[in-house]
Amino acid sequence: MNQNRTSGYAAALMYSVIIGFSFIFVKIALEDAGPLDILAHRFTLSFAAATIPILFGWVRLQIKWKKDLLYILPLALFYPVLFFTFQVFGLVYTTTSEAGIIQAAIPIFTMLLAAYFLKERTRGWQLAATLVSVFGVMFIFMLKGLDVRSSSLIGSLLILLSSLSSAGYNVMARKLGGKWDVFTLTYVMTAAGFVLFNAMALGEHLRQGALGQYFAPFAKLPFLMAILYLGILSSLLTSYLSNFALSKLEASQMSVFANLATLISILAGVIVLNEHLEWFHYIGGLCILLGVIGRNLLPRPKKRAVSRQQGASSGL
């Protein structure tokens, strides 16, 4: 295993751990603010934190604003804009269990898009490992129980669109990773989230004539601590880690770490919230681990010279 892939795996693992624990902080934040306000506040903090090193001259953005933005903004459109927007509104109409099952298919969507646009080849046993990981997530949520009465076709479609957005981001970030540095990509993505989610949240408060409620949650210490985690670690740092990992790993390899984040979120609930593990958590968790390990450690197919040329010339 070469050094580039090792660093990519390390970044992907850190990404999974941070995302896994973020669900606890989302629950804390939801006690004092709505979903749109949380998104707005977390990306405000992300944007502020990302701007500090630029203002002090520690980092320089390697970008030609008029030219390069036309290529980078579509990436930001997929993630965080479309991903979080579809996810937030999808959860209004469907259950978290159903959303978890649908989003478990992200590795499959990524694998299909990567095969078409990036010419990434997947062996039969690598495909099997990916499906084992997906099955592990679906198994946990299905045995946990689906509340069909509160599910909705609209909600399911929105969560599906959120999953497709994540897959599109995985593929596009893999494609663009070599053209710009990781920080530049992360900064533009964060700025896009900052503008959109604040516009949506402030617009909603202005419509209701309750602008003061936008700032009210910051008076609560638990919310402040939660939003610091979500903004700096779970938004900014994970965007950086994801972009970095995708510059080292194939898109289909990186995508299975999203399922590992689901497993970590379950373990985080046990450690922090004293939640109880059932027998199906162990079986599903084992499937997720086997799938992630198998997809990333099984031998990769040898690429022919023609395939390399096709992969270099293909694009979105």
Protein backbone atom coordinates (compact mmCIF):
# COMPACT_ATOMS: atom_id res chain seq x y z
CA MET A 1 0.00 0.00 0.00
CA ASN A 2 1.62 3.26 -1.10
CA GLN A 3 1.83 6.41 1.00
CA ASN A 4 -0.82 8.29 -1.00
CA ARG A 5 -3.44 5.60 -0.46
CA THR A 6 -2.52 5.32 3.22
CA SER A 7 -3.04 9.04 3.76
CA GLY A 8 -6.29 8.80 1.81
CA TYR A 9 -7.56 6.01 4.05
CA ALA A 10 -6.55 7.98 7.16
CA ALA A 11 -8.50 11.01 5.94
CA ALA A 12 -11.54 8.86 5.06
CA LEU A 13 -11.47 7.21 8.49
CA MET A 14 -11.27 10.58 10.28
CA TYR A 15 -14.16 11.75 8.08
CA SER A 16 -16.28 8.77 9.15
CA VAL A 17 -15.55 9.28 12.87
CA ILE A 18 -16.44 12.99 12.81
CA ILE A 19 -19.62 12.41 10.78
CA GLY A 20 -20.58 9.51 13.02
CA PHE A 21 -20.46 11.62 16.19
CA SER A 22 -22.13 14.59 14.48
CA PHE A 23 -25.59 13.02 14.83
CA ILE A 24 -25.39 13.45 18.60
CA PHE A 25 -24.59 17.15 18.23
CA VAL A 26 -27.40 17.57 15.70
CA LYS A 27 -29.82 16.18 18.29
CA ILE A 28 -28.49 18.67 20.86
CA ALA A 29 -28.76 21.59 18.44
CA LEU A 30 -32.32 20.64 17.41
CA GLU A 31 -33.49 21.30 20.96
CA ASP A 32 -32.96 25.04 20.45
CA ALA A 33 -33.14 25.63 16.67
CA GLY A 34 -34.76 24.34 13.50
CA PRO A 35 -32.94 22.42 10.72
CA LEU A 36 -32.49 25.45 8.44
CA ASP A 37 -31.10 27.59 11.25
CA ILE A 38 -28.65 24.84 12.19
CA LEU A 39 -27.43 24.60 8.60
CA ALA A 40 -27.09 28.37 8.39
CA HIS A 41 -25.19 28.67 11.66
CA ARG A 42 -22.87 25.72 11.05
CA PHE A 43 -21.84 27.02 7.62
CA THR A 44 -21.43 30.54 8.98
CA LEU A 45 -18.91 29.19 11.47
CA SER A 46 -17.31 27.05 8.75
CA PHE A 47 -16.92 29.99 6.43
CA ALA A 48 -15.53 32.21 9.20
CA ALA A 49 -13.03 29.53 10.26
CA ALA A 50 -11.93 28.94 6.66
CA THR A 51 -11.51 32.69 6.05
CA ILE A 52 -9.19 33.27 9.04
CA PRO A 53 -6.05 31.66 7.50
CA ILE A 54 -6.68 33.60 4.28
CA LEU A 55 -6.92 36.94 6.09
CA PHE A 56 -3.68 36.26 7.98
CA GLY A 57 -1.91 35.19 4.81
CA TRP A 58 -1.29 31.64 5.99
CA VAL A 59 -3.08 30.21 2.94
CA ARG A 60 -3.63 31.58 -0.55
CA LEU A 61 -6.49 30.52 -2.75
CA GLN A 62 -5.15 29.10 -5.99
CA ILE A 63 -8.04 30.15 -8.17
CA LYS A 64 -8.90 32.38 -11.10
CA TRP A 65 -12.27 33.62 -9.96
CA LYS A 66 -13.88 34.33 -13.34
CA LYS A 67 -12.71 31.13 -14.99
CA ASP A 68 -12.34 28.52 -12.28
CA LEU A 69 -15.60 29.24 -10.46
CA LEU A 70 -17.52 27.95 -13.46
CA TYR A 71 -15.97 24.53 -12.83
CA ILE A 72 -15.89 24.49 -9.01
CA LEU A 73 -19.40 25.80 -8.31
CA PRO A 74 -21.10 22.69 -9.76
CA LEU A 75 -19.18 20.69 -7.16
CA ALA A 76 -20.42 23.00 -4.41
CA LEU A 77 -23.90 22.67 -5.88
CA PHE A 78 -23.87 18.91 -5.34
CA TYR A 79 -22.33 19.22 -1.86
CA PRO A 80 -23.27 20.91 0.39
CA VAL A 81 -26.12 22.75 -1.35
CA LEU A 82 -28.25 20.01 -2.94
CA PHE A 83 -27.20 17.25 -0.54
CA PHE A 84 -28.23 19.07 2.62
CA THR A 85 -31.27 20.82 1.08
CA PHE A 86 -32.81 17.58 -0.18
CA GLN A 87 -31.89 15.81 3.06
CA VAL A 88 -33.41 18.42 5.39
CA PHE A 89 -36.70 18.70 3.50
CA GLY A 90 -36.82 14.97 2.84
CA LEU A 91 -36.70 14.26 6.58
CA VAL A 92 -39.76 16.49 7.00
CA TYR A 93 -41.82 13.99 4.99
CA THR A 94 -40.24 10.64 5.85
CA THR A 95 -38.66 8.78 8.76
CA THR A 96 -34.99 8.70 9.66
CA SER A 97 -35.03 4.91 9.29
CA GLU A 98 -36.27 5.07 5.72
CA ALA A 99 -33.81 7.86 4.97
CA GLY A 100 -30.98 5.74 6.37
CA ILE A 101 -31.87 2.83 4.11
CA ILE A 102 -32.06 5.00 1.00
CA GLN A 103 -28.79 6.80 1.76
CA ALA A 104 -27.07 3.46 2.25
CA ALA A 105 -27.24 3.16 -1.54
CA ILE A 106 -24.79 6.07 -2.01
CA PRO A 107 -21.85 3.68 -2.65
CA ILE A 108 -23.85 1.94 -5.38
CA PHE A 109 -24.78 5.24 -7.07
CA THR A 110 -21.17 6.39 -6.78
CA MET A 111 -19.86 3.16 -8.26
CA LEU A 112 -22.19 3.44 -11.26
CA LEU A 113 -21.37 7.11 -11.91
CA ALA A 114 -17.64 6.51 -11.40
CA ALA A 115 -17.71 3.63 -13.88
CA TYR A 116 -19.33 5.83 -16.52
CA PHE A 117 -17.58 9.17 -16.00
CA LEU A 118 -14.23 8.16 -14.50
CA LYS A 119 -13.89 4.71 -16.07
CA GLU A 120 -13.26 3.19 -12.66
CA ARG A 121 -13.41 -0.59 -12.97
CA THR A 122 -14.81 -2.74 -10.17
CA ARG A 123 -14.13 -6.45 -9.86
CA GLY A 124 -16.90 -8.85 -8.94
CA TRP A 125 -15.65 -9.33 -5.36
CA GLN A 126 -15.23 -5.59 -4.90
CA LEU A 127 -18.84 -5.15 -6.00
CA ALA A 128 -19.83 -7.89 -3.56
CA ALA A 129 -17.98 -6.11 -0.73
CA THR A 130 -19.81 -2.87 -1.51
CA LEU A 131 -23.15 -4.66 -1.49
CA VAL A 132 -22.30 -6.31 1.85
CA SER A 133 -21.67 -2.87 3.35
CA VAL A 134 -24.94 -1.53 1.94
CA PHE A 135 -26.79 -4.59 3.24
CA GLY A 136 -25.36 -4.00 6.72
CA VAL A 137 -26.87 -0.52 6.91
CA MET A 138 -30.21 -1.63 5.47
CA PHE A 139 -30.34 -4.61 7.83
CA ILE A 140 -29.90 -2.42 10.91
CA PHE A 141 -32.55 0.09 9.91
CA MET A 142 -35.05 -2.54 8.73
CA LEU A 143 -34.78 -4.55 11.95
CA LYS A 144 -34.91 -1.34 13.96
CA GLY A 145 -38.34 -0.78 12.45
CA LEU A 146 -39.92 1.36 9.75
CA ASP A 147 -42.80 3.65 10.55
CA VAL A 148 -44.67 3.26 7.28
CA ARG A 149 -47.51 5.47 8.43
CA SER A 150 -45.28 8.55 8.53
CA SER A 151 -43.35 7.77 5.34
CA SER A 152 -44.08 9.59 2.11
CA LEU A 153 -43.22 9.20 -1.55
CA ILE A 154 -42.18 12.84 -1.68
CA GLY A 155 -39.83 12.38 1.26
CA SER A 156 -38.34 9.23 -0.24
CA LEU A 157 -37.72 10.98 -3.56
CA LEU A 158 -36.03 13.91 -1.81
CA ILE A 159 -33.74 11.57 0.16
CA LEU A 160 -33.00 9.71 -3.08
CA LEU A 161 -32.03 13.01 -4.71
CA SER A 162 -29.85 13.76 -1.69
CA SER A 163 -28.09 10.42 -2.16
CA LEU A 164 -27.58 11.06 -5.87
CA SER A 165 -26.15 14.48 -5.02
CA SER A 166 -23.63 12.86 -2.69
CA ALA A 167 -22.66 10.36 -5.39
CA GLY A 168 -22.30 13.19 -7.91
CA TYR A 169 -20.06 15.06 -5.49
CA ASN A 170 -17.87 11.98 -4.94
CA VAL A 171 -17.32 11.59 -8.67
CA MET A 172 -16.85 15.27 -9.47
CA ALA A 173 -14.48 15.86 -6.53
CA ARG A 174 -12.40 12.90 -7.72
CA LYS A 175 -12.29 14.45 -11.18
CA LEU A 176 -11.42 17.98 -10.01
CA GLY A 177 -9.06 16.95 -7.22
CA GLY A 178 -5.96 17.28 -9.37
CA LYS A 179 -6.79 20.70 -10.83
CA TRP A 180 -7.03 22.76 -7.63
CA ASP A 181 -5.63 22.36 -4.15
CA VAL A 182 -7.83 20.79 -1.51
CA PHE A 183 -8.24 23.97 0.54
CA THR A 184 -9.47 26.00 -2.46
CA LEU A 185 -12.13 23.41 -3.26
CA THR A 186 -13.18 23.25 0.39
CA TYR A 187 -13.36 27.04 0.72
CA VAL A 188 -15.58 27.51 -2.33
CA MET A 189 -17.89 24.70 -1.20
CA THR A 190 -18.14 26.21 2.28
CA ALA A 191 -18.82 29.68 0.90
CA ALA A 192 -21.65 28.32 -1.26
CA GLY A 193 -23.24 26.65 1.77
CA PHE A 194 -22.85 29.82 3.82
CA VAL A 195 -24.63 31.98 1.22
CA LEU A 196 -27.46 29.60 0.39
CA PHE A 197 -28.41 28.36 3.86
CA ASN A 198 -28.25 31.81 5.45
CA ALA A 199 -30.40 33.20 2.64
CA MET A 200 -32.97 30.44 3.23
CA ALA A 201 -32.97 30.76 7.03
CA LEU A 202 -33.06 34.56 7.12
CA GLY A 203 -35.73 34.61 4.42
CA GLU A 204 -37.92 32.28 6.46
CA HIS A 205 -37.50 34.37 9.64
CA LEU A 206 -38.27 37.58 7.75
CA ARG A 207 -41.38 35.96 6.30
CA GLN A 208 -42.52 35.06 9.80
CA GLY A 209 -41.51 38.46 11.21
CA ALA A 210 -39.29 36.79 13.82
CA LEU A 211 -35.74 37.74 12.87
CA GLY A 212 -34.67 37.73 16.52
CA GLN A 213 -35.20 33.96 16.67
CA TYR A 214 -32.34 33.53 14.21
CA PHE A 215 -29.83 34.66 16.87
CA ALA A 216 -31.66 33.40 19.98
CA PRO A 217 -30.11 29.87 20.10
CA PHE A 218 -26.62 31.30 20.71
CA ALA A 219 -27.72 32.23 24.24
CA LYS A 220 -27.80 28.50 25.09
CA LEU A 221 -24.40 26.96 25.91
CA PRO A 222 -25.30 23.42 24.73
CA PHE A 223 -26.35 24.82 21.34
CA LEU A 224 -23.16 26.87 21.09
CA MET A 225 -20.98 23.83 21.80
CA ALA A 226 -22.95 21.70 19.35
CA ILE A 227 -22.81 24.25 16.55
CA LEU A 228 -19.06 24.68 17.05
CA TYR A 229 -18.61 20.95 16.50
CA LEU A 230 -20.99 20.89 13.53
CA GLY A 231 -19.54 24.01 11.93
CA ILE A 232 -15.80 23.56 12.36
CA LEU A 233 -15.40 19.79 12.53
CA SER A 234 -18.48 18.29 10.89
CA SER A 235 -18.72 20.78 8.01
CA LEU A 236 -15.37 22.44 7.35
CA LEU A 237 -12.94 19.72 8.39
CA THR A 238 -14.97 16.87 6.89
CA SER A 239 -15.22 18.74 3.58
CA TYR A 240 -11.45 19.11 3.59
CA LEU A 241 -10.91 15.46 4.56
CA SER A 242 -13.36 14.25 1.93
CA ASN A 243 -11.77 16.33 -0.83
CA PHE A 244 -8.32 15.16 0.28
CA ALA A 245 -9.34 11.49 0.39
CA LEU A 246 -10.93 11.74 -3.05
CA SER A 247 -7.64 13.10 -4.42
CA LYS A 248 -5.97 9.87 -3.25
CA LEU A 249 -8.68 7.20 -3.53
CA GLU A 250 -11.19 6.13 -6.13
CA ALA A 251 -14.66 7.62 -5.72
CA SER A 252 -16.21 4.20 -5.17
CA GLN A 253 -13.66 3.42 -2.45
CA MET A 254 -14.38 6.64 -0.58
CA SER A 255 -18.15 6.26 -0.80
CA VAL A 256 -18.31 3.13 1.38
CA PHE A 257 -16.92 5.14 4.30
CA ALA A 258 -20.33 6.85 4.49
CA ASN A 259 -21.72 3.51 5.68
CA LEU A 260 -18.91 3.25 8.23
CA ALA A 261 -20.03 6.65 9.56
CA THR A 262 -23.47 5.12 10.15
CA LEU A 263 -21.91 2.37 12.26
CA ILE A 264 -19.87 4.90 14.24
CA SER A 265 -23.01 6.96 14.89
CA ILE A 266 -24.64 3.87 16.43
CA LEU A 267 -21.58 3.23 18.62
CA ALA A 268 -21.51 6.91 19.59
CA GLY A 269 -25.08 6.59 20.81
CA VAL A 270 -24.05 3.68 23.00
CA ILE A 271 -20.98 5.46 24.40
CA VAL A 272 -22.43 8.94 24.91
CA LEU A 273 -26.18 8.42 25.25
CA ASN A 274 -26.08 4.95 26.88
CA GLU A 275 -28.25 3.51 24.13
CA HIS A 276 -28.68 -0.27 23.98
CA LEU A 277 -27.34 -2.47 21.19
CA GLU A 278 -29.59 -5.21 19.82
CA TRP A 279 -28.42 -8.41 18.11
CA PHE A 280 -29.06 -6.96 14.66
CA HIS A 281 -26.70 -4.06 15.37
CA TYR A 282 -23.84 -6.55 15.73
CA ILE A 283 -24.68 -8.41 12.51
CA GLY A 284 -25.23 -5.23 10.52
CA GLY A 285 -22.09 -3.65 11.98
CA LEU A 286 -20.01 -6.67 11.04
CA CYS A 287 -21.36 -6.51 7.47
CA ILE A 288 -20.48 -2.81 7.24
CA LEU A 289 -16.93 -3.43 8.48
CA LEU A 290 -16.39 -6.39 6.17
CA GLY A 291 -17.73 -4.38 3.24
CA VAL A 292 -15.54 -1.35 3.89
CA ILE A 293 -12.41 -3.47 4.46
CA GLY A 294 -13.13 -5.71 1.48
CA ARG A 295 -13.82 -2.83 -0.92
CA ASN A 296 -10.60 -1.05 -0.01
CA LEU A 297 -8.18 -3.94 0.51
CA LEU A 298 -9.18 -6.36 -2.23
CA PRO A 299 -6.87 -6.14 -5.28
CA ARG A 300 -7.76 -3.43 -7.76
CA PRO A 301 -8.17 -4.33 -11.44
CA LYS A 302 -5.20 -3.57 -13.65
CA LYS A 303 -5.90 -0.69 -15.97
CA ARG A 304 -4.87 -0.87 -19.55
CA ALA A 305 -3.21 2.05 -21.23
CA VAL A 306 -6.33 2.71 -23.26
CA SER A 307 -8.42 2.83 -20.10
CA ARG A 308 -6.05 5.36 -18.58
CA GLN A 309 -6.37 7.59 -21.62
CA GLN A 310 -10.14 7.32 -21.56
CA GLY A 311 -10.22 8.10 -17.84
CA ALA A 312 -8.06 11.20 -18.36
CA SER A 313 -10.19 12.55 -21.18
CA SER A 314 -13.61 11.79 -19.66
CA GLY A 315 -15.51 14.47 -17.80
CA LEU A 316 -18.86 15.51 -16.38
